[in-house]
Amino acid sequence: VAGSLCAGIATDTLLGGRMILVCLPLCLLCSLSFVGWGFLNGQGEMVNIMCMALSGFLIAGPDGILGGAASKNLCDYHGKSSGYA
């Protein structure tokens, strides 16, 4: 939830609605976090929890943007009313 909220705030306030400028860095950082998690896997439970939390945060941001706002924008751009389900 925190990743989605932060990504939405960054998209709306800092980048003027340009969603790709938020999604691209988060996706790249997410890939790096999984690689890092693979290297740090045997370092203990707390390190695994922190790596899992970071990966979840970085996944939730693009998921919230692409799953919600981007699909609504596509419908709006093509003249469909967003009032339907």
Protein backbone atom coordinates (compact mmCIF):
# COMPACT_ATOMS: atom_id res chain seq x y z
CA VAL A 1 0.00 0.00 0.00
CA ALA A 2 2.81 2.41 0.87
CA GLY A 3 4.47 1.92 -2.52
CA SER A 4 1.25 2.70 -4.36
CA LEU A 5 0.60 5.81 -2.30
CA CYS A 6 4.13 7.13 -2.74
CA ALA A 7 4.09 6.44 -6.47
CA GLY A 8 0.74 8.19 -6.85
CA ILE A 9 1.88 11.23 -4.92
CA ALA A 10 5.10 11.40 -6.91
CA THR A 11 3.19 11.09 -10.18
CA ASP A 12 0.63 13.76 -9.35
CA THR A 13 2.67 16.34 -7.47
CA LEU A 14 6.28 16.00 -8.58
CA LEU A 15 6.00 14.89 -12.19
CA GLY A 16 2.73 16.41 -13.35
CA GLY A 17 0.95 13.14 -14.13
CA ARG A 18 3.73 11.58 -16.23
CA MET A 19 3.31 8.02 -15.02
CA ILE A 20 6.13 6.43 -17.01
CA LEU A 21 8.70 8.64 -15.26
CA VAL A 22 7.68 7.02 -11.98
CA CYS A 23 7.15 3.46 -13.22
CA LEU A 24 10.41 3.01 -15.09
CA PRO A 25 12.80 3.77 -12.21
CA LEU A 26 10.69 1.75 -9.77
CA CYS A 27 10.74 -1.27 -12.11
CA LEU A 28 14.50 -1.02 -12.54
CA LEU A 29 15.04 -0.66 -8.80
CA CYS A 30 12.75 -3.62 -8.19
CA SER A 31 14.89 -5.78 -10.47
CA LEU A 32 17.99 -4.70 -8.58
CA SER A 33 16.32 -5.37 -5.24
CA PHE A 34 15.61 -8.97 -6.27
CA VAL A 35 19.20 -9.45 -7.37
CA GLY A 36 20.41 -7.98 -4.08
CA TRP A 37 18.00 -10.15 -2.16
CA GLY A 38 19.48 -13.20 -3.87
CA PHE A 39 22.97 -12.23 -2.69
CA LEU A 40 21.82 -11.40 0.85
CA ASN A 41 19.56 -14.42 1.29
CA GLY A 42 21.65 -16.18 3.92
CA GLN A 43 22.28 -13.13 6.11
CA GLY A 44 19.47 -13.71 8.57
CA GLU A 45 15.78 -13.27 9.09
CA MET A 46 15.80 -9.48 9.54
CA VAL A 47 17.71 -8.96 6.27
CA ASN A 48 15.19 -11.17 4.46
CA ILE A 49 12.30 -9.20 5.94
CA MET A 50 13.86 -5.90 4.88
CA CYS A 51 14.56 -7.19 1.36
CA MET A 52 11.00 -8.50 1.07
CA ALA A 53 9.57 -5.18 2.25
CA LEU A 54 11.71 -3.21 -0.20
CA SER A 55 10.76 -5.48 -3.09
CA GLY A 56 7.07 -5.23 -2.18
CA PHE A 57 7.26 -1.45 -1.98
CA LEU A 58 8.90 -1.26 -5.40
CA ILE A 59 6.37 -3.66 -6.96
CA ALA A 60 3.32 -1.90 -5.52
CA GLY A 61 4.13 1.49 -7.06
CA PRO A 62 4.04 0.50 -10.73
CA ASP A 63 1.22 -1.96 -10.06
CA GLY A 64 -0.97 0.76 -8.62
CA ILE A 65 -0.20 3.15 -11.45
CA LEU A 66 -0.45 0.71 -14.34
CA GLY A 67 -3.36 -1.25 -12.94
CA GLY A 68 -5.53 1.70 -11.99
CA ALA A 69 -4.70 5.09 -13.39
CA ALA A 70 -3.24 4.03 -16.72
CA SER A 71 -6.25 1.91 -17.64
CA LYS A 72 -8.59 4.78 -16.76
CA ASN A 73 -6.52 7.17 -18.87
CA LEU A 74 -6.65 4.84 -21.86
CA CYS A 75 -10.43 4.78 -21.69
CA ASP A 76 -10.57 8.56 -21.31
CA TYR A 77 -8.21 9.10 -24.26
CA HIS A 78 -10.44 7.00 -26.49
CA GLY A 79 -13.59 8.85 -25.50
CA LYS A 80 -15.06 6.16 -23.31
CA SER A 81 -16.77 7.32 -20.16
CA SER A 82 -15.03 6.21 -16.99
CA GLY A 83 -18.42 5.97 -15.28
CA TYR A 84 -18.83 2.35 -16.35
CA ALA A 85 -17.58 -0.14 -13.78
